[in-house]
Amino acid sequence: MKRIGIKKRQEQAVLKQKRPLGKRIWKARYVYLMILPVIVWFALFQYWPMAWLSISFFDYNLYLGFAGSKFVGLQNFIDFFTGLDFWRLIRNVVLMNLYSLAVAFPMPIIFALFLNELRNQKVKKAVQTVSFLPHFISMVAFVTIVTEFLSPVNGVMADIFRFFGKEPIYFLGQAKYFRSIMVFSGMWQETGYNAIVYLSAITALDMNLYEAAMVDGANRWKRLIHVTIPGIMPTVVVMFILRIGSLINANFEKMYLFQNSTNLEVSEVIQTWVYKRGMIRYDYSMGTTAGLFNGLVALLLVIMANRLSKRYSDSAGIW
């Protein structure tokens, strides 16, 4: 009887697949309606703008359009790669992201493991709620809070320095502190929110594994090392691959708002350069060229990280 039931279900599945596409779409119309806004958003803001990447190959004039603009081929790319700013931009964005990768990337994992070990549920929920609230602060308000905190006149750090008899430091006015401010303020803002992914992965682990480890005499530390961490490793690998893909990217809003003339040497990255060159100086061709280069490098980094994860780990990667 069981085999007959399985066979009937298989036959029904085959019949459903043979239905006309229009009928299948109409039957699942509410599902398609739910995903329609996402499709429209990607079409308008991700795929349609790709048509304008051809500006990179023109000396583009907004008023003349493509028809009246001169085709220059790869000249914009040559000018960008040989320009005085190119290596400075690459150095700044790579060093910033490597610093963040080494210091900030492990923090959500550690924080999620810490929360998972808390036994008092009320304390756990309170800590988790407080930790991810900074993520929802607008970037302008966030930068304002950090700027006031580091102010050499009336900031908290200035009061601490004065308490110990030291002269306050204008941190945002010295280039050597800029990367640390970016990374550690980002940790405060994003650690709690990013930990949600790892907490979800931990809650999905099979509890029988923990019970088996307890039967074998494993204490909490050993269960953490031998059960929890290996269990969330595929999630860690996927998040790492995505992070590698953004190695050439930077948080434009945050970088631009923290930027000033005294830290420009280390704070100028491709995204801020593109904005200034393309939107302020109206050099659309060079701005698009830099943006296209940035996107292609990010794509290559994702492909490379995905292949390395497949080769040197048990993870299947992201595709």
C-alpha atoms as a PDB file:
ATOM      1  CA  MET A   1       0.000   0.000   0.000  1.00  0.00           C
ATOM      2  CA  LYS A   2       2.852   2.356   0.838  1.00  0.00           C
ATOM      3  CA  ARG A   3       4.456   1.795  -2.562  1.00  0.00           C
ATOM      4  CA  ILE A   4       1.129   2.452  -4.298  1.00  0.00           C
ATOM      5  CA  GLY A   5       0.758   5.751  -2.430  1.00  0.00           C
ATOM      6  CA  ILE A   6       4.273   6.834  -3.422  1.00  0.00           C
ATOM      7  CA  LYS A   7       3.599   5.886  -7.034  1.00  0.00           C
ATOM      8  CA  LYS A   8       0.379   7.940  -7.075  1.00  0.00           C
ATOM      9  CA  ARG A   9       2.164  10.990  -5.711  1.00  0.00           C
ATOM     10  CA  GLN A  10       4.869  10.615  -8.362  1.00  0.00           C
ATOM     11  CA  GLU A  11       2.216  10.391 -11.103  1.00  0.00           C
ATOM     12  CA  GLN A  12       0.489  13.499  -9.738  1.00  0.00           C
ATOM     13  CA  ALA A  13       3.769  15.394  -9.733  1.00  0.00           C
ATOM     14  CA  VAL A  14       4.388  14.404 -13.375  1.00  0.00           C
ATOM     15  CA  LEU A  15       0.867  15.536 -14.348  1.00  0.00           C
ATOM     16  CA  LYS A  16       1.417  18.877 -12.616  1.00  0.00           C
ATOM     17  CA  GLN A  17       4.633  19.404 -14.580  1.00  0.00           C
ATOM     18  CA  LYS A  18       2.784  18.686 -17.840  1.00  0.00           C
ATOM     19  CA  ARG A  19       0.252  21.464 -17.176  1.00  0.00           C
ATOM     20  CA  PRO A  20       0.575  24.548 -19.405  1.00  0.00           C
ATOM     21  CA  LEU A  21       2.909  27.180 -18.024  1.00  0.00           C
ATOM     22  CA  GLY A  22       0.153  29.787 -17.934  1.00  0.00           C
ATOM     23  CA  LYS A  23      -2.068  27.627 -15.740  1.00  0.00           C
ATOM     24  CA  ARG A  24       0.810  26.902 -13.347  1.00  0.00           C
ATOM     25  CA  ILE A  25       1.598  30.593 -13.066  1.00  0.00           C
ATOM     26  CA  TRP A  26      -2.055  31.469 -12.509  1.00  0.00           C
ATOM     27  CA  LYS A  27      -2.361  28.829  -9.778  1.00  0.00           C
ATOM     28  CA  ALA A  28       0.684  30.251  -7.987  1.00  0.00           C
ATOM     29  CA  ARG A  29      -0.238  33.873  -8.805  1.00  0.00           C
ATOM     30  CA  TYR A  30      -0.112  35.051  -5.206  1.00  0.00           C
ATOM     31  CA  VAL A  31       3.409  33.720  -4.807  1.00  0.00           C
ATOM     32  CA  TYR A  32       4.488  35.564  -7.961  1.00  0.00           C
ATOM     33  CA  LEU A  33       2.805  38.727  -6.720  1.00  0.00           C
ATOM     34  CA  MET A  34       4.836  38.513  -3.520  1.00  0.00           C
ATOM     35  CA  ILE A  35       8.132  38.325  -5.403  1.00  0.00           C
ATOM     36  CA  LEU A  36       7.116  40.898  -8.037  1.00  0.00           C
ATOM     37  CA  PRO A  37       8.396  43.946  -6.036  1.00  0.00           C
ATOM     38  CA  VAL A  38      11.790  42.284  -5.677  1.00  0.00           C
ATOM     39  CA  ILE A  39      11.954  41.556  -9.407  1.00  0.00           C
ATOM     40  CA  VAL A  40      10.951  45.136 -10.248  1.00  0.00           C
ATOM     41  CA  TRP A  41      13.542  46.549  -7.834  1.00  0.00           C
ATOM     42  CA  PHE A  42      16.347  44.450  -9.332  1.00  0.00           C
ATOM     43  CA  ALA A  43      15.246  45.270 -12.868  1.00  0.00           C
ATOM     44  CA  LEU A  44      15.133  49.031 -12.252  1.00  0.00           C
ATOM     45  CA  PHE A  45      18.100  49.547  -9.947  1.00  0.00           C
ATOM     46  CA  GLN A  46      20.465  46.679 -10.767  1.00  0.00           C
ATOM     47  CA  TYR A  47      20.028  45.498 -14.367  1.00  0.00           C
ATOM     48  CA  TRP A  48      18.687  48.531 -16.256  1.00  0.00           C
ATOM     49  CA  PRO A  49      21.619  50.758 -15.140  1.00  0.00           C
ATOM     50  CA  MET A  50      24.012  48.216 -16.711  1.00  0.00           C
ATOM     51  CA  ALA A  51      22.969  49.548 -20.106  1.00  0.00           C
ATOM     52  CA  TRP A  52      24.664  52.828 -19.200  1.00  0.00           C
ATOM     53  CA  LEU A  53      28.028  51.222 -18.530  1.00  0.00           C
ATOM     54  CA  SER A  54      28.856  51.889 -22.182  1.00  0.00           C
ATOM     55  CA  ILE A  55      29.484  55.491 -21.087  1.00  0.00           C
ATOM     56  CA  SER A  56      32.943  54.190 -20.117  1.00  0.00           C
ATOM     57  CA  PHE A  57      33.842  53.959 -23.809  1.00  0.00           C
ATOM     58  CA  PHE A  58      32.718  57.486 -24.707  1.00  0.00           C
ATOM     59  CA  ASP A  59      33.745  61.018 -23.906  1.00  0.00           C
ATOM     60  CA  TYR A  60      30.176  61.347 -22.752  1.00  0.00           C
ATOM     61  CA  ASN A  61      28.268  64.607 -22.789  1.00  0.00           C
ATOM     62  CA  LEU A  62      24.913  64.525 -21.008  1.00  0.00           C
ATOM     63  CA  TYR A  63      23.325  67.062 -23.384  1.00  0.00           C
ATOM     64  CA  LEU A  64      24.588  65.407 -26.585  1.00  0.00           C
ATOM     65  CA  GLY A  65      23.861  61.807 -25.572  1.00  0.00           C
ATOM     66  CA  PHE A  66      25.579  58.820 -27.140  1.00  0.00           C
ATOM     67  CA  ALA A  67      24.901  60.053 -30.671  1.00  0.00           C
ATOM     68  CA  GLY A  68      26.792  63.304 -30.157  1.00  0.00           C
ATOM     69  CA  SER A  69      29.502  62.025 -27.799  1.00  0.00           C
ATOM     70  CA  LYS A  70      32.879  60.918 -29.119  1.00  0.00           C
ATOM     71  CA  PHE A  71      33.741  57.221 -28.932  1.00  0.00           C
ATOM     72  CA  VAL A  72      37.165  56.873 -27.255  1.00  0.00           C
ATOM     73  CA  GLY A  73      37.407  53.090 -26.726  1.00  0.00           C
ATOM     74  CA  LEU A  74      39.615  52.126 -23.806  1.00  0.00           C
ATOM     75  CA  GLN A  75      41.118  55.585 -23.333  1.00  0.00           C
ATOM     76  CA  ASN A  76      39.130  56.237 -20.137  1.00  0.00           C
ATOM     77  CA  PHE A  77      40.440  52.998 -18.628  1.00  0.00           C
ATOM     78  CA  ILE A  78      44.015  53.901 -19.578  1.00  0.00           C
ATOM     79  CA  ASP A  79      43.641  57.343 -18.008  1.00  0.00           C
ATOM     80  CA  PHE A  80      42.137  55.839 -14.847  1.00  0.00           C
ATOM     81  CA  PHE A  81      44.825  53.165 -14.426  1.00  0.00           C
ATOM     82  CA  THR A  82      47.693  55.556 -15.113  1.00  0.00           C
ATOM     83  CA  GLY A  83      46.277  58.406 -13.023  1.00  0.00           C
ATOM     84  CA  LEU A  84      47.901  59.586  -9.819  1.00  0.00           C
ATOM     85  CA  ASP A  85      44.878  58.568  -7.732  1.00  0.00           C
ATOM     86  CA  PHE A  86      44.544  54.940  -8.885  1.00  0.00           C
ATOM     87  CA  TRP A  87      47.002  53.192  -6.559  1.00  0.00           C
ATOM     88  CA  ARG A  88      46.039  55.408  -3.631  1.00  0.00           C
ATOM     89  CA  LEU A  89      42.379  54.453  -4.055  1.00  0.00           C
ATOM     90  CA  ILE A  90      43.173  50.745  -4.346  1.00  0.00           C
ATOM     91  CA  ARG A  91      45.504  50.863  -1.339  1.00  0.00           C
ATOM     92  CA  ASN A  92      42.973  52.654   0.846  1.00  0.00           C
ATOM     93  CA  VAL A  93      40.006  50.411   0.091  1.00  0.00           C
ATOM     94  CA  VAL A  94      41.990  47.141   0.292  1.00  0.00           C
ATOM     95  CA  LEU A  95      43.753  48.044   3.540  1.00  0.00           C
ATOM     96  CA  MET A  96      40.469  49.212   5.069  1.00  0.00           C
ATOM     97  CA  ASN A  97      38.676  45.989   4.162  1.00  0.00           C
ATOM     98  CA  LEU A  98      41.554  43.706   5.173  1.00  0.00           C
ATOM     99  CA  TYR A  99      41.627  45.452   8.550  1.00  0.00           C
ATOM    100  CA  SER A 100      37.861  44.990   8.857  1.00  0.00           C
ATOM    101  CA  LEU A 101      38.082  41.361   7.708  1.00  0.00           C
ATOM    102  CA  ALA A 102      40.726  40.528  10.305  1.00  0.00           C
ATOM    103  CA  VAL A 103      39.151  42.397  13.237  1.00  0.00           C
ATOM    104  CA  ALA A 104      35.420  42.861  12.607  1.00  0.00           C
ATOM    105  CA  PHE A 105      34.449  39.711  10.683  1.00  0.00           C
ATOM    106  CA  PRO A 106      35.010  37.248  13.590  1.00  0.00           C
ATOM    107  CA  MET A 107      33.140  39.416  16.106  1.00  0.00           C
ATOM    108  CA  PRO A 108      29.549  38.454  15.106  1.00  0.00           C
ATOM    109  CA  ILE A 109      30.563  34.785  15.252  1.00  0.00           C
ATOM    110  CA  ILE A 110      32.071  35.175  18.720  1.00  0.00           C
ATOM    111  CA  PHE A 111      29.079  37.223  19.871  1.00  0.00           C
ATOM    112  CA  ALA A 112      26.614  34.612  18.561  1.00  0.00           C
ATOM    113  CA  LEU A 113      28.494  31.835  20.360  1.00  0.00           C
ATOM    114  CA  PHE A 114      28.462  33.931  23.524  1.00  0.00           C
ATOM    115  CA  LEU A 115      24.710  34.534  23.295  1.00  0.00           C
ATOM    116  CA  ASN A 116      24.071  30.860  22.645  1.00  0.00           C
ATOM    117  CA  GLU A 117      25.833  29.938  25.882  1.00  0.00           C
ATOM    118  CA  LEU A 118      23.692  32.274  28.002  1.00  0.00           C
ATOM    119  CA  ARG A 119      21.169  30.261  29.998  1.00  0.00           C
ATOM    120  CA  ASN A 120      19.099  33.150  31.357  1.00  0.00           C
ATOM    121  CA  GLN A 121      16.635  33.795  28.511  1.00  0.00           C
ATOM    122  CA  LYS A 122      15.634  37.263  29.737  1.00  0.00           C
ATOM    123  CA  VAL A 123      19.239  38.432  29.853  1.00  0.00           C
ATOM    124  CA  LYS A 124      19.894  36.813  26.468  1.00  0.00           C
ATOM    125  CA  LYS A 125      16.976  38.619  24.811  1.00  0.00           C
ATOM    126  CA  ALA A 126      17.898  41.936  26.433  1.00  0.00           C
ATOM    127  CA  VAL A 127      21.543  41.711  25.310  1.00  0.00           C
ATOM    128  CA  GLN A 128      20.541  40.693  21.790  1.00  0.00           C
ATOM    129  CA  THR A 129      17.999  43.511  21.471  1.00  0.00           C
ATOM    130  CA  VAL A 130      20.409  46.171  22.717  1.00  0.00           C
ATOM    131  CA  SER A 131      23.202  44.844  20.488  1.00  0.00           C
ATOM    132  CA  PHE A 132      21.402  45.109  17.164  1.00  0.00           C
ATOM    133  CA  LEU A 133      19.672  48.453  17.787  1.00  0.00           C
ATOM    134  CA  PRO A 134      22.675  50.509  16.485  1.00  0.00           C
ATOM    135  CA  HIS A 135      22.147  48.914  13.069  1.00  0.00           C
ATOM    136  CA  PHE A 136      18.860  50.810  12.702  1.00  0.00           C
ATOM    137  CA  ILE A 137      20.339  54.228  13.454  1.00  0.00           C
ATOM    138  CA  SER A 138      20.555  56.346  10.302  1.00  0.00           C
ATOM    139  CA  MET A 139      24.090  56.748   9.012  1.00  0.00           C
ATOM    140  CA  VAL A 140      24.041  60.526   9.454  1.00  0.00           C
ATOM    141  CA  ALA A 141      22.952  60.183  13.096  1.00  0.00           C
ATOM    142  CA  PHE A 142      25.493  57.413  13.654  1.00  0.00           C
ATOM    143  CA  VAL A 143      28.387  59.476  12.285  1.00  0.00           C
ATOM    144  CA  THR A 144      27.221  62.444  14.365  1.00  0.00           C
ATOM    145  CA  ILE A 145      27.257  60.322  17.541  1.00  0.00           C
ATOM    146  CA  VAL A 146      30.755  59.018  16.830  1.00  0.00           C
ATOM    147  CA  THR A 147      32.020  62.501  15.908  1.00  0.00           C
ATOM    148  CA  GLU A 148      30.659  63.989  19.133  1.00  0.00           C
ATOM    149  CA  PHE A 149      32.081  61.082  21.144  1.00  0.00           C
ATOM    150  CA  LEU A 150      35.561  61.720  19.684  1.00  0.00           C
ATOM    151  CA  SER A 151      35.326  65.525  19.776  1.00  0.00           C
ATOM    152  CA  PRO A 152      38.460  67.090  21.325  1.00  0.00           C
ATOM    153  CA  VAL A 153      36.341  69.895  22.821  1.00  0.00           C
ATOM    154  CA  ASN A 154      33.375  68.316  24.588  1.00  0.00           C
ATOM    155  CA  GLY A 155      33.523  64.634  23.652  1.00  0.00           C
ATOM    156  CA  VAL A 156      33.639  61.714  26.075  1.00  0.00           C
ATOM    157  CA  MET A 157      37.141  60.775  24.931  1.00  0.00           C
ATOM    158  CA  ALA A 158      38.322  64.339  25.604  1.00  0.00           C
ATOM    159  CA  ASP A 159      36.937  64.155  29.159  1.00  0.00           C
ATOM    160  CA  ILE A 160      38.730  60.833  29.723  1.00  0.00           C
ATOM    161  CA  PHE A 161      42.026  62.291  28.495  1.00  0.00           C
ATOM    162  CA  ARG A 162      41.638  65.347  30.727  1.00  0.00           C
ATOM    163  CA  PHE A 163      40.804  63.156  33.717  1.00  0.00           C
ATOM    164  CA  PHE A 164      44.183  61.439  33.325  1.00  0.00           C
ATOM    165  CA  GLY A 165      45.966  64.737  32.740  1.00  0.00           C
ATOM    166  CA  LYS A 166      46.466  64.226  29.004  1.00  0.00           C
ATOM    167  CA  GLU A 167      45.848  66.581  26.121  1.00  0.00           C
ATOM    168  CA  PRO A 168      42.730  65.584  24.071  1.00  0.00           C
ATOM    169  CA  ILE A 169      43.378  64.240  20.587  1.00  0.00           C
ATOM    170  CA  TYR A 170      41.408  65.208  17.487  1.00  0.00           C
ATOM    171  CA  PHE A 171      41.098  61.644  16.197  1.00  0.00           C
ATOM    172  CA  LEU A 172      39.229  62.494  12.996  1.00  0.00           C
ATOM    173  CA  GLY A 173      41.836  65.121  12.207  1.00  0.00           C
ATOM    174  CA  GLN A 174      44.694  62.611  12.088  1.00  0.00           C
ATOM    175  CA  ALA A 175      44.885  60.166   9.207  1.00  0.00           C
ATOM    176  CA  LYS A 176      46.534  57.417  11.265  1.00  0.00           C
ATOM    177  CA  TYR A 177      43.390  56.946  13.374  1.00  0.00           C
ATOM    178  CA  PHE A 178      40.885  56.932  10.506  1.00  0.00           C
ATOM    179  CA  ARG A 179      40.900  53.191   9.690  1.00  0.00           C
ATOM    180  CA  SER A 180      40.565  52.224  13.343  1.00  0.00           C
ATOM    181  CA  ILE A 181      37.628  54.609  13.776  1.00  0.00           C
ATOM    182  CA  MET A 182      35.919  53.122  10.722  1.00  0.00           C
ATOM    183  CA  VAL A 183      36.448  49.496  11.776  1.00  0.00           C
ATOM    184  CA  PHE A 184      35.619  49.774  15.483  1.00  0.00           C
ATOM    185  CA  SER A 185      32.610  52.025  14.972  1.00  0.00           C
ATOM    186  CA  GLY A 186      31.415  49.516  12.372  1.00  0.00           C
ATOM    187  CA  MET A 187      31.807  46.718  14.901  1.00  0.00           C
ATOM    188  CA  TRP A 188      29.579  48.573  17.350  1.00  0.00           C
ATOM    189  CA  GLN A 189      27.006  49.238  14.663  1.00  0.00           C
ATOM    190  CA  GLU A 190      26.857  45.824  12.939  1.00  0.00           C
ATOM    191  CA  THR A 191      28.070  43.071  15.294  1.00  0.00           C
ATOM    192  CA  GLY A 192      24.707  42.435  16.946  1.00  0.00           C
ATOM    193  CA  TYR A 193      22.777  42.530  13.694  1.00  0.00           C
ATOM    194  CA  ASN A 194      25.209  40.262  11.803  1.00  0.00           C
ATOM    195  CA  ALA A 195      25.178  37.788  14.687  1.00  0.00           C
ATOM    196  CA  ILE A 196      21.535  36.970  13.868  1.00  0.00           C
ATOM    197  CA  VAL A 197      22.690  34.890  10.878  1.00  0.00           C
ATOM    198  CA  TYR A 198      24.973  32.763  13.032  1.00  0.00           C
ATOM    199  CA  LEU A 199      22.390  32.453  15.807  1.00  0.00           C
ATOM    200  CA  SER A 200      19.930  31.114  13.245  1.00  0.00           C
ATOM    201  CA  ALA A 201      22.525  28.586  12.077  1.00  0.00           C
ATOM    202  CA  ILE A 202      23.155  27.488  15.679  1.00  0.00           C
ATOM    203  CA  THR A 203      19.450  27.005  16.443  1.00  0.00           C
ATOM    204  CA  ALA A 204      19.169  24.813  13.324  1.00  0.00           C
ATOM    205  CA  LEU A 205      21.771  22.350  14.620  1.00  0.00           C
ATOM    206  CA  ASP A 206      20.597  18.868  15.586  1.00  0.00           C
ATOM    207  CA  MET A 207      20.201  18.680  19.373  1.00  0.00           C
ATOM    208  CA  ASN A 208      20.985  14.951  19.227  1.00  0.00           C
ATOM    209  CA  LEU A 209      24.594  15.904  18.518  1.00  0.00           C
ATOM    210  CA  TYR A 210      24.781  17.798  21.809  1.00  0.00           C
ATOM    211  CA  GLU A 211      23.133  14.934  23.684  1.00  0.00           C
ATOM    212  CA  ALA A 212      25.590  12.451  22.193  1.00  0.00           C
ATOM    213  CA  ALA A 213      28.495  14.712  23.153  1.00  0.00           C
ATOM    214  CA  MET A 214      27.172  14.988  26.723  1.00  0.00           C
ATOM    215  CA  VAL A 215      26.888  11.191  26.938  1.00  0.00           C
ATOM    216  CA  ASP A 216      30.523  10.983  25.839  1.00  0.00           C
ATOM    217  CA  GLY A 217      31.461  13.305  28.703  1.00  0.00           C
ATOM    218  CA  ALA A 218      32.049  16.510  26.716  1.00  0.00           C
ATOM    219  CA  ASN A 219      31.786  19.668  28.781  1.00  0.00           C
ATOM    220  CA  ARG A 220      30.351  22.966  27.471  1.00  0.00           C
ATOM    221  CA  TRP A 221      33.688  24.105  26.048  1.00  0.00           C
ATOM    222  CA  LYS A 222      34.230  20.844  24.143  1.00  0.00           C
ATOM    223  CA  ARG A 223      30.655  20.900  22.835  1.00  0.00           C
ATOM    224  CA  LEU A 224      31.294  24.420  21.586  1.00  0.00           C
ATOM    225  CA  ILE A 225      34.539  23.414  19.845  1.00  0.00           C
ATOM    226  CA  HIS A 226      33.472  20.055  18.421  1.00  0.00           C
ATOM    227  CA  VAL A 227      29.737  20.525  17.759  1.00  0.00           C
ATOM    228  CA  THR A 228      28.680  24.176  17.510  1.00  0.00           C
ATOM    229  CA  ILE A 229      31.581  25.644  15.538  1.00  0.00           C
ATOM    230  CA  PRO A 230      31.772  22.797  12.945  1.00  0.00           C
ATOM    231  CA  GLY A 231      27.990  22.985  12.616  1.00  0.00           C
ATOM    232  CA  ILE A 232      27.947  26.674  11.662  1.00  0.00           C
ATOM    233  CA  MET A 233      31.086  26.487   9.508  1.00  0.00           C
ATOM    234  CA  PRO A 234      29.162  26.309   6.169  1.00  0.00           C
ATOM    235  CA  THR A 235      27.387  29.548   7.128  1.00  0.00           C
ATOM    236  CA  VAL A 236      30.707  31.128   8.094  1.00  0.00           C
ATOM    237  CA  VAL A 237      32.210  30.119   4.734  1.00  0.00           C
ATOM    238  CA  VAL A 238      29.308  31.609   2.767  1.00  0.00           C
ATOM    239  CA  MET A 239      29.483  34.879   4.731  1.00  0.00           C
ATOM    240  CA  PHE A 240      33.263  34.956   4.252  1.00  0.00           C
ATOM    241  CA  ILE A 241      32.862  34.538   0.482  1.00  0.00           C
ATOM    242  CA  LEU A 242      30.389  37.410   0.378  1.00  0.00           C
ATOM    243  CA  ARG A 243      32.757  39.507   2.483  1.00  0.00           C
ATOM    244  CA  ILE A 244      35.646  38.762   0.121  1.00  0.00           C
ATOM    245  CA  GLY A 245      33.451  39.960  -2.729  1.00  0.00           C
ATOM    246  CA  SER A 246      33.174  43.349  -1.041  1.00  0.00           C
ATOM    247  CA  LEU A 247      36.944  43.616  -0.501  1.00  0.00           C
ATOM    248  CA  ILE A 248      37.115  46.310  -3.154  1.00  0.00           C
ATOM    249  CA  ASN A 249      33.985  48.083  -1.889  1.00  0.00           C
ATOM    250  CA  ALA A 250      33.515  50.486   0.983  1.00  0.00           C
ATOM    251  CA  ASN A 251      30.590  51.972   2.875  1.00  0.00           C
ATOM    252  CA  PHE A 252      30.219  55.118   0.791  1.00  0.00           C
ATOM    253  CA  GLU A 253      27.955  57.053   3.156  1.00  0.00           C
ATOM    254  CA  LYS A 254      30.096  56.406   6.193  1.00  0.00           C
ATOM    255  CA  MET A 255      33.396  57.099   4.423  1.00  0.00           C
ATOM    256  CA  TYR A 256      32.105  60.299   2.879  1.00  0.00           C
ATOM    257  CA  LEU A 257      30.625  61.616   6.135  1.00  0.00           C
ATOM    258  CA  PHE A 258      33.780  60.886   8.145  1.00  0.00           C
ATOM    259  CA  GLN A 259      35.982  62.342   5.418  1.00  0.00           C
ATOM    260  CA  ASN A 260      37.701  65.706   5.769  1.00  0.00           C
ATOM    261  CA  SER A 261      40.721  67.435   4.291  1.00  0.00           C
ATOM    262  CA  THR A 262      43.089  66.189   6.999  1.00  0.00           C
ATOM    263  CA  ASN A 263      42.345  62.468   6.566  1.00  0.00           C
ATOM    264  CA  LEU A 264      41.725  62.498   2.811  1.00  0.00           C
ATOM    265  CA  GLU A 265      44.974  60.630   2.113  1.00  0.00           C
ATOM    266  CA  VAL A 266      43.586  57.456   3.727  1.00  0.00           C
ATOM    267  CA  SER A 267      39.835  58.062   3.451  1.00  0.00           C
ATOM    268  CA  GLU A 268      39.528  58.550  -0.304  1.00  0.00           C
ATOM    269  CA  VAL A 269      38.299  55.283  -1.882  1.00  0.00           C
ATOM    270  CA  ILE A 270      36.870  54.359  -5.281  1.00  0.00           C
ATOM    271  CA  GLN A 271      33.262  55.020  -4.248  1.00  0.00           C
ATOM    272  CA  THR A 272      33.903  58.532  -2.917  1.00  0.00           C
ATOM    273  CA  TRP A 273      36.181  59.282  -5.877  1.00  0.00           C
ATOM    274  CA  VAL A 274      33.472  58.173  -8.317  1.00  0.00           C
ATOM    275  CA  TYR A 275      30.927  60.434  -6.603  1.00  0.00           C
ATOM    276  CA  LYS A 276      33.205  63.460  -6.673  1.00  0.00           C
ATOM    277  CA  ARG A 277      34.408  62.858 -10.217  1.00  0.00           C
ATOM    278  CA  GLY A 278      31.096  61.835 -11.735  1.00  0.00           C
ATOM    279  CA  MET A 279      28.468  63.787  -9.803  1.00  0.00           C
ATOM    280  CA  ILE A 280      30.308  66.897  -8.635  1.00  0.00           C
ATOM    281  CA  ARG A 281      32.703  67.424 -11.556  1.00  0.00           C
ATOM    282  CA  TYR A 282      30.238  65.963 -14.115  1.00  0.00           C
ATOM    283  CA  ASP A 283      32.910  63.652 -15.573  1.00  0.00           C
ATOM    284  CA  TYR A 284      30.445  60.823 -16.184  1.00  0.00           C
ATOM    285  CA  SER A 285      32.800  58.816 -18.381  1.00  0.00           C
ATOM    286  CA  MET A 286      35.587  58.563 -15.819  1.00  0.00           C
ATOM    287  CA  GLY A 287      33.161  57.974 -12.950  1.00  0.00           C
ATOM    288  CA  THR A 288      31.480  55.126 -14.833  1.00  0.00           C
ATOM    289  CA  THR A 289      34.879  53.679 -15.765  1.00  0.00           C
ATOM    290  CA  ALA A 290      35.954  53.518 -12.127  1.00  0.00           C
ATOM    291  CA  GLY A 291      32.593  52.039 -11.097  1.00  0.00           C
ATOM    292  CA  LEU A 292      32.789  49.363 -13.818  1.00  0.00           C
ATOM    293  CA  PHE A 293      36.324  48.456 -12.772  1.00  0.00           C
ATOM    294  CA  ASN A 294      35.168  48.194  -9.160  1.00  0.00           C
ATOM    295  CA  GLY A 295      32.292  45.861 -10.082  1.00  0.00           C
ATOM    296  CA  LEU A 296      34.456  43.586 -12.238  1.00  0.00           C
ATOM    297  CA  VAL A 297      37.094  43.215  -9.521  1.00  0.00           C
ATOM    298  CA  ALA A 298      34.383  42.407  -6.938  1.00  0.00           C
ATOM    299  CA  LEU A 299      32.973  39.725  -9.269  1.00  0.00           C
ATOM    300  CA  LEU A 300      36.421  38.162  -9.751  1.00  0.00           C
ATOM    301  CA  LEU A 301      37.015  38.152  -5.985  1.00  0.00           C
ATOM    302  CA  VAL A 302      33.707  36.343  -5.357  1.00  0.00           C
ATOM    303  CA  ILE A 303      34.505  33.718  -8.006  1.00  0.00           C
ATOM    304  CA  MET A 304      37.998  33.200  -6.587  1.00  0.00           C
ATOM    305  CA  ALA A 305      36.777  32.918  -2.987  1.00  0.00           C
ATOM    306  CA  ASN A 306      34.033  30.487  -4.013  1.00  0.00           C
ATOM    307  CA  ARG A 307      36.494  28.198  -5.823  1.00  0.00           C
ATOM    308  CA  LEU A 308      38.969  28.288  -2.946  1.00  0.00           C
ATOM    309  CA  SER A 309      36.228  27.388  -0.454  1.00  0.00           C
ATOM    310  CA  LYS A 310      35.239  24.382  -2.571  1.00  0.00           C
ATOM    311  CA  ARG A 311      38.826  23.240  -2.917  1.00  0.00           C
ATOM    312  CA  TYR A 312      40.070  23.651   0.642  1.00  0.00           C
ATOM    313  CA  SER A 313      36.917  23.124   2.719  1.00  0.00           C
ATOM    314  CA  ASP A 314      33.896  20.841   2.891  1.00  0.00           C
ATOM    315  CA  SER A 315      31.599  23.692   1.929  1.00  0.00           C
ATOM    316  CA  ALA A 316      29.766  23.606  -1.396  1.00  0.00           C
ATOM    317  CA  GLY A 317      30.263  27.359  -1.781  1.00  0.00           C
ATOM    318  CA  ILE A 318      27.453  29.634  -2.939  1.00  0.00           C
ATOM    319  CA  TRP A 319      27.032  28.080  -6.385  1.00  0.00           C
END
